[in-house]
Amino acid sequence: MAFDSVSSFLAMGGYAPYVWAAWGVTLALMVGAVLHARAERRWLLRDLHRRERRQANAAVGNNSNAS
């Protein structure tokens, strides 16, 4: 579908509220998915670092008890 002007493009032949709402929802969901993935990665890495520290402290504690 070809449009004569920018305003007719933005009006989308009278279907603008539906078209732009769909674009908005899609964009919001995609941004939300990216932000959620980044936050989950951060939480996972933080948890892994805690586990490593806990294991290292447990190993040091076990070695000092053995001496």
Foldseek 3Di string as FASTA:
>chain_A
DDDPDPVCVCCVVVCNVVVVVVVVVVVVVVVVVVVVVVVVVVVVVVVVVVVVVVVVVVVVVVVVVVD
